[in-house]
Amino acid sequence: MLPSPYVIETAGPTQDVLGTVDGKPVIRIRGVRHYDHGHGRLLLLTVSARGVPGYEASLADTVPAVLDPEQEVLPSEAVFTPGQSADEYSKKSSNQMKQSQDSSVAAALAFSKKHGTDVSDAEISVHMDGVGGPSAGMMYSLGIIDKLTAIDETGGNVIAGTGTMSASGKVGAIGGIRLKMIGARRDGATWFLAPRSNCGEVVGHVPSGLRDVAVDDLDGAYAALKAIGEGKGGSLPHCRVADNRS
């Protein structure tokens, strides 16, 4: 029953960024014309963790987790700062999510403007309680763009993805990608958009029935999304070990 010096991670819940949470849209747009296509889904992915501040794990929990291919065990110092309180950990995670949402909105607006959509009066907010960290950024941006365009980019598909998003549109690496692929397939996704810088962790671990696509930036992620929706995703780039770069 002693506290574990490790963090135990499992695939967490997913959320359709085109949908609602507690009756509120995840992405809310005002001031400009927008669309709710209501067919496909764009899933953001999460990892559930025990052994972080506020969510304790015991040494007895660690042993079976090491042997379970659907769990990952990490040294606690790789996940949070030693001595960090539950409040500090939660605040840091929430701040990362808020910064991610702001960058995602900025990137989506810049992309939309570049492609001829008038977004000068757009007011966009993202509502997602209970999820922290920066890794949903790419999916927020894609969801915003989908809602600002008349076409349904998903084509009715369930498309999952993960990756940070900078305001300039760069997709960045995230943690827990193997677990996130498990969660994606579990919840019905058949496509998975992955940061190219995470590809070394993707190769050889893609669940059966899930097709990975390596992306570098928002332009590439949107192009992949559109190709999938048009039934032309077969030629999109898989992850390769050689793609794994910072």
C-alpha atoms as a PDB file:
ATOM      1  CA  MET A   1       0.000   0.000   0.000  1.00  0.00           C
ATOM      2  CA  LEU A   2       3.051   2.294  -0.071  1.00  0.00           C
ATOM      3  CA  PRO A   3       2.794   5.226  -2.500  1.00  0.00           C
ATOM      4  CA  SER A   4       4.296   4.404  -5.877  1.00  0.00           C
ATOM      5  CA  PRO A   5       7.188   6.478  -7.297  1.00  0.00           C
ATOM      6  CA  TYR A   6       5.648   5.839 -10.714  1.00  0.00           C
ATOM      7  CA  VAL A   7       2.791   7.226 -12.785  1.00  0.00           C
ATOM      8  CA  ILE A   8       0.428   4.683 -14.341  1.00  0.00           C
ATOM      9  CA  GLU A   9      -1.234   5.813 -17.577  1.00  0.00           C
ATOM     10  CA  THR A  10      -4.130   4.279 -19.501  1.00  0.00           C
ATOM     11  CA  ALA A  11      -6.174   5.331 -22.510  1.00  0.00           C
ATOM     12  CA  GLY A  12      -8.599   8.015 -21.361  1.00  0.00           C
ATOM     13  CA  PRO A  13     -11.957   9.152 -22.722  1.00  0.00           C
ATOM     14  CA  THR A  14     -12.306  10.810 -26.110  1.00  0.00           C
ATOM     15  CA  GLN A  15     -14.400  13.818 -27.078  1.00  0.00           C
ATOM     16  CA  ASP A  16     -15.829  14.924 -30.412  1.00  0.00           C
ATOM     17  CA  VAL A  17     -14.720  18.545 -30.849  1.00  0.00           C
ATOM     18  CA  LEU A  18     -17.669  19.027 -33.221  1.00  0.00           C
ATOM     19  CA  GLY A  19     -20.069  17.941 -30.482  1.00  0.00           C
ATOM     20  CA  THR A  20     -21.163  19.109 -27.057  1.00  0.00           C
ATOM     21  CA  VAL A  21     -20.131  18.705 -23.421  1.00  0.00           C
ATOM     22  CA  ASP A  22     -22.793  19.109 -20.727  1.00  0.00           C
ATOM     23  CA  GLY A  23     -25.130  20.543 -23.343  1.00  0.00           C
ATOM     24  CA  LYS A  24     -22.644  23.175 -24.507  1.00  0.00           C
ATOM     25  CA  PRO A  25     -20.800  23.065 -27.834  1.00  0.00           C
ATOM     26  CA  VAL A  26     -17.109  22.302 -27.485  1.00  0.00           C
ATOM     27  CA  ILE A  27     -16.449  24.957 -30.142  1.00  0.00           C
ATOM     28  CA  ARG A  28     -18.705  28.014 -30.150  1.00  0.00           C
ATOM     29  CA  ILE A  29     -18.563  30.504 -33.013  1.00  0.00           C
ATOM     30  CA  ARG A  30     -20.274  33.880 -33.147  1.00  0.00           C
ATOM     31  CA  GLY A  31     -20.158  36.853 -35.495  1.00  0.00           C
ATOM     32  CA  VAL A  32     -19.659  34.918 -38.743  1.00  0.00           C
ATOM     33  CA  ARG A  33     -21.522  32.269 -40.646  1.00  0.00           C
ATOM     34  CA  HIS A  34     -20.767  28.759 -39.459  1.00  0.00           C
ATOM     35  CA  TYR A  35     -22.043  25.240 -39.999  1.00  0.00           C
ATOM     36  CA  ASP A  36     -22.964  22.183 -37.942  1.00  0.00           C
ATOM     37  CA  HIS A  37     -22.716  19.285 -40.377  1.00  0.00           C
ATOM     38  CA  GLY A  38     -23.745  16.615 -37.876  1.00  0.00           C
ATOM     39  CA  HIS A  39     -22.231  13.585 -39.618  1.00  0.00           C
ATOM     40  CA  GLY A  40     -18.622  12.621 -38.911  1.00  0.00           C
ATOM     41  CA  ARG A  41     -16.653  13.134 -35.711  1.00  0.00           C
ATOM     42  CA  LEU A  42     -13.276  14.662 -34.875  1.00  0.00           C
ATOM     43  CA  LEU A  43     -12.022  13.057 -31.684  1.00  0.00           C
ATOM     44  CA  LEU A  44      -9.568  14.609 -29.270  1.00  0.00           C
ATOM     45  CA  LEU A  45      -7.777  12.009 -27.178  1.00  0.00           C
ATOM     46  CA  THR A  46      -6.758  11.847 -23.542  1.00  0.00           C
ATOM     47  CA  VAL A  47      -4.669   9.772 -21.177  1.00  0.00           C
ATOM     48  CA  SER A  48      -5.855   8.936 -17.668  1.00  0.00           C
ATOM     49  CA  ALA A  49      -3.109   8.940 -15.029  1.00  0.00           C
ATOM     50  CA  ARG A  50      -2.711   7.578 -11.508  1.00  0.00           C
ATOM     51  CA  GLY A  51       0.252   8.497  -9.374  1.00  0.00           C
ATOM     52  CA  VAL A  52       0.084  12.219 -10.157  1.00  0.00           C
ATOM     53  CA  PRO A  53      -0.642  14.768  -7.410  1.00  0.00           C
ATOM     54  CA  GLY A  54      -4.208  14.318  -6.237  1.00  0.00           C
ATOM     55  CA  TYR A  55      -4.604  10.879  -7.844  1.00  0.00           C
ATOM     56  CA  GLU A  56      -2.414   8.514  -5.873  1.00  0.00           C
ATOM     57  CA  ALA A  57      -1.265   5.036  -6.898  1.00  0.00           C
ATOM     58  CA  SER A  58       0.259   2.312  -4.731  1.00  0.00           C
ATOM     59  CA  LEU A  59       3.161  -0.010  -5.421  1.00  0.00           C
ATOM     60  CA  ALA A  60       0.582  -2.808  -5.620  1.00  0.00           C
ATOM     61  CA  ASP A  61      -1.028  -0.991  -8.566  1.00  0.00           C
ATOM     62  CA  THR A  62       2.292  -0.718 -10.381  1.00  0.00           C
ATOM     63  CA  VAL A  63       3.138  -4.417 -10.769  1.00  0.00           C
ATOM     64  CA  PRO A  64       0.134  -5.462 -12.905  1.00  0.00           C
ATOM     65  CA  ALA A  65       0.400  -2.226 -14.867  1.00  0.00           C
ATOM     66  CA  VAL A  66       3.955  -3.083 -15.940  1.00  0.00           C
ATOM     67  CA  LEU A  67       2.662  -6.353 -17.395  1.00  0.00           C
ATOM     68  CA  ASP A  68      -0.365  -4.820 -19.148  1.00  0.00           C
ATOM     69  CA  PRO A  69       0.301  -3.703 -22.773  1.00  0.00           C
ATOM     70  CA  GLU A  70      -2.595  -1.251 -22.507  1.00  0.00           C
ATOM     71  CA  GLN A  71      -0.959   0.624 -19.623  1.00  0.00           C
ATOM     72  CA  GLU A  72       2.281   2.557 -19.395  1.00  0.00           C
ATOM     73  CA  VAL A  73       4.398   3.078 -16.277  1.00  0.00           C
ATOM     74  CA  LEU A  74       6.643   6.141 -16.091  1.00  0.00           C
ATOM     75  CA  PRO A  75       8.905   7.542 -13.353  1.00  0.00           C
ATOM     76  CA  SER A  76       6.948  10.263 -11.563  1.00  0.00           C
ATOM     77  CA  GLU A  77       9.646  12.885 -12.227  1.00  0.00           C
ATOM     78  CA  ALA A  78       9.067  12.402 -15.975  1.00  0.00           C
ATOM     79  CA  VAL A  79       5.474  13.568 -15.564  1.00  0.00           C
ATOM     80  CA  PHE A  80       5.446  16.204 -12.823  1.00  0.00           C
ATOM     81  CA  THR A  81       7.860  18.216 -10.686  1.00  0.00           C
ATOM     82  CA  PRO A  82       8.773  16.460  -7.399  1.00  0.00           C
ATOM     83  CA  GLY A  83       6.983  18.095  -4.495  1.00  0.00           C
ATOM     84  CA  GLN A  84       4.293  19.589  -6.706  1.00  0.00           C
ATOM     85  CA  SER A  85       0.940  19.860  -4.932  1.00  0.00           C
ATOM     86  CA  ALA A  86      -2.338  18.678  -6.423  1.00  0.00           C
ATOM     87  CA  ASP A  87      -3.439  22.291  -6.833  1.00  0.00           C
ATOM     88  CA  GLU A  88      -0.199  23.265  -8.558  1.00  0.00           C
ATOM     89  CA  TYR A  89      -0.392  20.263 -10.869  1.00  0.00           C
ATOM     90  CA  SER A  90      -4.015  20.984 -11.788  1.00  0.00           C
ATOM     91  CA  LYS A  91      -3.331  24.683 -12.345  1.00  0.00           C
ATOM     92  CA  LYS A  92      -0.370  23.960 -14.632  1.00  0.00           C
ATOM     93  CA  SER A  93      -2.398  21.481 -16.657  1.00  0.00           C
ATOM     94  CA  SER A  94      -5.318  23.914 -16.961  1.00  0.00           C
ATOM     95  CA  ASN A  95      -3.009  26.735 -18.039  1.00  0.00           C
ATOM     96  CA  GLN A  96      -1.506  24.504 -20.731  1.00  0.00           C
ATOM     97  CA  MET A  97      -4.984  23.730 -22.018  1.00  0.00           C
ATOM     98  CA  LYS A  98      -5.977  27.398 -22.085  1.00  0.00           C
ATOM     99  CA  GLN A  99      -2.815  28.342 -23.975  1.00  0.00           C
ATOM    100  CA  SER A 100      -3.468  25.456 -26.364  1.00  0.00           C
ATOM    101  CA  GLN A 101      -7.003  26.655 -27.022  1.00  0.00           C
ATOM    102  CA  ASP A 102      -5.841  30.222 -27.670  1.00  0.00           C
ATOM    103  CA  SER A 103      -3.127  29.058 -30.091  1.00  0.00           C
ATOM    104  CA  SER A 104      -5.585  26.742 -31.834  1.00  0.00           C
ATOM    105  CA  VAL A 105      -8.066  29.553 -32.404  1.00  0.00           C
ATOM    106  CA  ALA A 106      -5.331  31.848 -33.722  1.00  0.00           C
ATOM    107  CA  ALA A 107      -4.017  29.182 -36.090  1.00  0.00           C
ATOM    108  CA  ALA A 108      -7.504  28.312 -37.367  1.00  0.00           C
ATOM    109  CA  LEU A 109      -8.391  31.948 -37.983  1.00  0.00           C
ATOM    110  CA  ALA A 110      -5.117  32.571 -39.829  1.00  0.00           C
ATOM    111  CA  PHE A 111      -5.684  29.454 -41.950  1.00  0.00           C
ATOM    112  CA  SER A 112      -9.284  30.436 -42.747  1.00  0.00           C
ATOM    113  CA  LYS A 113      -8.295  33.982 -43.679  1.00  0.00           C
ATOM    114  CA  LYS A 114      -5.506  32.681 -45.942  1.00  0.00           C
ATOM    115  CA  HIS A 115      -8.036  30.495 -47.744  1.00  0.00           C
ATOM    116  CA  GLY A 116     -10.545  33.282 -48.367  1.00  0.00           C
ATOM    117  CA  THR A 117     -12.955  32.987 -45.433  1.00  0.00           C
ATOM    118  CA  ASP A 118     -13.982  36.296 -43.882  1.00  0.00           C
ATOM    119  CA  VAL A 119     -13.307  35.869 -40.180  1.00  0.00           C
ATOM    120  CA  SER A 120     -12.827  39.529 -39.271  1.00  0.00           C
ATOM    121  CA  ASP A 121     -15.852  39.501 -36.933  1.00  0.00           C
ATOM    122  CA  ALA A 122     -15.430  35.954 -35.657  1.00  0.00           C
ATOM    123  CA  GLU A 123     -15.688  35.287 -31.922  1.00  0.00           C
ATOM    124  CA  ILE A 124     -14.589  31.766 -31.076  1.00  0.00           C
ATOM    125  CA  SER A 125     -14.465  30.027 -27.718  1.00  0.00           C
ATOM    126  CA  VAL A 126     -13.611  26.467 -26.721  1.00  0.00           C
ATOM    127  CA  HIS A 127     -15.432  24.740 -23.862  1.00  0.00           C
ATOM    128  CA  MET A 128     -13.776  21.599 -22.501  1.00  0.00           C
ATOM    129  CA  ASP A 129     -13.774  21.016 -18.752  1.00  0.00           C
ATOM    130  CA  GLY A 130     -11.857  18.221 -17.067  1.00  0.00           C
ATOM    131  CA  VAL A 131      -9.122  17.942 -19.694  1.00  0.00           C
ATOM    132  CA  GLY A 132      -5.706  19.502 -19.256  1.00  0.00           C
ATOM    133  CA  GLY A 133      -2.491  19.808 -21.209  1.00  0.00           C
ATOM    134  CA  PRO A 134      -1.742  21.065 -24.720  1.00  0.00           C
ATOM    135  CA  SER A 135      -2.170  17.949 -26.859  1.00  0.00           C
ATOM    136  CA  ALA A 136      -5.684  18.633 -28.219  1.00  0.00           C
ATOM    137  CA  GLY A 137      -4.560  21.747 -30.087  1.00  0.00           C
ATOM    138  CA  MET A 138      -4.562  20.307 -33.601  1.00  0.00           C
ATOM    139  CA  MET A 139      -8.038  18.838 -33.246  1.00  0.00           C
ATOM    140  CA  TYR A 140      -9.436  22.127 -31.939  1.00  0.00           C
ATOM    141  CA  SER A 141      -8.045  23.930 -34.991  1.00  0.00           C
ATOM    142  CA  LEU A 142      -9.480  21.347 -37.396  1.00  0.00           C
ATOM    143  CA  GLY A 143     -12.842  21.521 -35.647  1.00  0.00           C
ATOM    144  CA  ILE A 144     -12.953  25.304 -35.948  1.00  0.00           C
ATOM    145  CA  ILE A 145     -12.088  25.174 -39.652  1.00  0.00           C
ATOM    146  CA  ASP A 146     -14.726  22.483 -40.253  1.00  0.00           C
ATOM    147  CA  LYS A 147     -17.358  24.685 -38.642  1.00  0.00           C
ATOM    148  CA  LEU A 148     -16.305  27.716 -40.717  1.00  0.00           C
ATOM    149  CA  THR A 149     -16.646  25.914 -44.054  1.00  0.00           C
ATOM    150  CA  ALA A 150     -19.794  24.851 -45.882  1.00  0.00           C
ATOM    151  CA  ILE A 151     -18.406  21.429 -46.794  1.00  0.00           C
ATOM    152  CA  ASP A 152     -18.321  18.535 -44.333  1.00  0.00           C
ATOM    153  CA  GLU A 153     -14.615  17.740 -44.339  1.00  0.00           C
ATOM    154  CA  THR A 154     -15.083  14.516 -42.344  1.00  0.00           C
ATOM    155  CA  GLY A 155     -17.250  12.885 -45.011  1.00  0.00           C
ATOM    156  CA  GLY A 156     -19.017  11.058 -42.194  1.00  0.00           C
ATOM    157  CA  ASN A 157     -15.822   9.406 -40.929  1.00  0.00           C
ATOM    158  CA  VAL A 158     -14.659   9.152 -37.320  1.00  0.00           C
ATOM    159  CA  ILE A 159     -11.216  10.772 -37.352  1.00  0.00           C
ATOM    160  CA  ALA A 160      -9.029  11.019 -34.266  1.00  0.00           C
ATOM    161  CA  GLY A 161      -5.835  12.931 -33.794  1.00  0.00           C
ATOM    162  CA  THR A 162      -3.421  14.485 -31.372  1.00  0.00           C
ATOM    163  CA  GLY A 163      -0.713  17.117 -31.417  1.00  0.00           C
ATOM    164  CA  THR A 164       0.018  20.548 -30.066  1.00  0.00           C
ATOM    165  CA  MET A 165      -0.769  23.545 -32.264  1.00  0.00           C
ATOM    166  CA  SER A 166       1.249  26.747 -32.364  1.00  0.00           C
ATOM    167  CA  ALA A 167      -0.340  30.030 -33.392  1.00  0.00           C
ATOM    168  CA  SER A 168       1.699  29.807 -36.616  1.00  0.00           C
ATOM    169  CA  GLY A 169       0.185  26.416 -37.457  1.00  0.00           C
ATOM    170  CA  LYS A 170       2.987  24.027 -36.473  1.00  0.00           C
ATOM    171  CA  VAL A 171       1.924  20.615 -35.127  1.00  0.00           C
ATOM    172  CA  GLY A 172       4.084  19.477 -32.207  1.00  0.00           C
ATOM    173  CA  ALA A 173       4.842  16.230 -30.380  1.00  0.00           C
ATOM    174  CA  ILE A 174       2.812  14.979 -27.421  1.00  0.00           C
ATOM    175  CA  GLY A 175       3.030  12.245 -24.786  1.00  0.00           C
ATOM    176  CA  GLY A 176       1.121   8.989 -24.448  1.00  0.00           C
ATOM    177  CA  ILE A 177       0.509   8.518 -28.167  1.00  0.00           C
ATOM    178  CA  ARG A 178       0.333   4.712 -28.024  1.00  0.00           C
ATOM    179  CA  LEU A 179      -2.403   4.879 -25.406  1.00  0.00           C
ATOM    180  CA  LYS A 180      -4.214   7.538 -27.384  1.00  0.00           C
ATOM    181  CA  MET A 181      -4.307   5.263 -30.427  1.00  0.00           C
ATOM    182  CA  ILE A 182      -5.896   2.577 -28.259  1.00  0.00           C
ATOM    183  CA  GLY A 183      -8.542   5.062 -27.082  1.00  0.00           C
ATOM    184  CA  ALA A 184      -9.142   6.237 -30.656  1.00  0.00           C
ATOM    185  CA  ARG A 185      -9.833   2.739 -31.974  1.00  0.00           C
ATOM    186  CA  ARG A 186     -11.882   1.809 -28.909  1.00  0.00           C
ATOM    187  CA  ASP A 187     -14.225   4.732 -29.586  1.00  0.00           C
ATOM    188  CA  GLY A 188     -14.741   4.036 -33.271  1.00  0.00           C
ATOM    189  CA  ALA A 189     -12.041   6.003 -35.091  1.00  0.00           C
ATOM    190  CA  THR A 190     -10.673   4.523 -38.303  1.00  0.00           C
ATOM    191  CA  TRP A 191      -8.191   7.348 -38.982  1.00  0.00           C
ATOM    192  CA  PHE A 192      -5.521   8.779 -36.725  1.00  0.00           C
ATOM    193  CA  LEU A 193      -3.633  12.028 -37.409  1.00  0.00           C
ATOM    194  CA  ALA A 194      -0.238  11.923 -35.673  1.00  0.00           C
ATOM    195  CA  PRO A 195       2.520  14.518 -35.310  1.00  0.00           C
ATOM    196  CA  ARG A 196       5.383  13.433 -37.540  1.00  0.00           C
ATOM    197  CA  SER A 197       7.727  14.073 -34.604  1.00  0.00           C
ATOM    198  CA  ASN A 198       5.955  11.249 -32.720  1.00  0.00           C
ATOM    199  CA  CYS A 199       6.183   8.751 -35.567  1.00  0.00           C
ATOM    200  CA  GLY A 200       8.880   6.631 -33.925  1.00  0.00           C
ATOM    201  CA  GLU A 201       6.348   5.779 -31.199  1.00  0.00           C
ATOM    202  CA  VAL A 202       3.547   5.132 -33.690  1.00  0.00           C
ATOM    203  CA  VAL A 203       5.259   2.644 -36.011  1.00  0.00           C
ATOM    204  CA  GLY A 204       4.487  -0.927 -34.974  1.00  0.00           C
ATOM    205  CA  HIS A 205       1.834   0.084 -32.448  1.00  0.00           C
ATOM    206  CA  VAL A 206      -1.150   1.110 -34.592  1.00  0.00           C
ATOM    207  CA  PRO A 207      -4.212  -0.931 -33.549  1.00  0.00           C
ATOM    208  CA  SER A 208      -5.889  -3.079 -36.181  1.00  0.00           C
ATOM    209  CA  GLY A 209      -8.537  -1.088 -38.041  1.00  0.00           C
ATOM    210  CA  LEU A 210      -6.858   2.274 -37.435  1.00  0.00           C
ATOM    211  CA  ARG A 211      -4.968   4.030 -40.246  1.00  0.00           C
ATOM    212  CA  ASP A 212      -2.260   6.462 -39.155  1.00  0.00           C
ATOM    213  CA  VAL A 213      -1.385   9.657 -41.062  1.00  0.00           C
ATOM    214  CA  ALA A 214       1.783  11.669 -40.362  1.00  0.00           C
ATOM    215  CA  VAL A 215       1.310  15.454 -40.311  1.00  0.00           C
ATOM    216  CA  ASP A 216       3.659  18.409 -39.771  1.00  0.00           C
ATOM    217  CA  ASP A 217       1.401  21.447 -39.714  1.00  0.00           C
ATOM    218  CA  LEU A 218      -2.172  22.672 -39.964  1.00  0.00           C
ATOM    219  CA  ASP A 219      -2.044  22.866 -43.765  1.00  0.00           C
ATOM    220  CA  GLY A 220      -1.066  19.198 -43.922  1.00  0.00           C
ATOM    221  CA  ALA A 221      -3.568  18.133 -41.269  1.00  0.00           C
ATOM    222  CA  TYR A 222      -6.407  19.895 -43.085  1.00  0.00           C
ATOM    223  CA  ALA A 223      -5.352  18.428 -46.435  1.00  0.00           C
ATOM    224  CA  ALA A 224      -5.382  14.964 -44.843  1.00  0.00           C
ATOM    225  CA  LEU A 225      -8.797  15.592 -43.278  1.00  0.00           C
ATOM    226  CA  LYS A 226     -10.229  16.701 -46.607  1.00  0.00           C
ATOM    227  CA  ALA A 227      -8.722  13.739 -48.466  1.00  0.00           C
ATOM    228  CA  ILE A 228     -10.202  11.316 -45.939  1.00  0.00           C
ATOM    229  CA  GLY A 229     -13.611  12.962 -46.260  1.00  0.00           C
ATOM    230  CA  GLU A 230     -13.460  12.668 -50.043  1.00  0.00           C
ATOM    231  CA  GLY A 231     -12.526   8.994 -49.880  1.00  0.00           C
ATOM    232  CA  LYS A 232      -8.992   9.672 -51.119  1.00  0.00           C
ATOM    233  CA  GLY A 233      -7.052   8.940 -47.933  1.00  0.00           C
ATOM    234  CA  GLY A 234      -5.353   5.787 -49.169  1.00  0.00           C
ATOM    235  CA  SER A 235      -2.293   7.634 -50.456  1.00  0.00           C
ATOM    236  CA  LEU A 236      -1.754   9.746 -47.327  1.00  0.00           C
ATOM    237  CA  PRO A 237       1.661   9.248 -45.659  1.00  0.00           C
ATOM    238  CA  HIS A 238       2.000   6.616 -42.962  1.00  0.00           C
ATOM    239  CA  CYS A 239       4.388   7.216 -40.098  1.00  0.00           C
ATOM    240  CA  ARG A 240       7.896   5.850 -40.613  1.00  0.00           C
ATOM    241  CA  VAL A 241      10.623   5.433 -38.023  1.00  0.00           C
ATOM    242  CA  ALA A 242      12.773   7.832 -40.073  1.00  0.00           C
ATOM    243  CA  ASP A 243      10.096  10.523 -39.594  1.00  0.00           C
ATOM    244  CA  ASN A 244      10.766  10.717 -35.848  1.00  0.00           C
ATOM    245  CA  ARG A 245      12.501  14.049 -35.441  1.00  0.00           C
ATOM    246  CA  SER A 246      12.205  17.083 -33.187  1.00  0.00           C
END
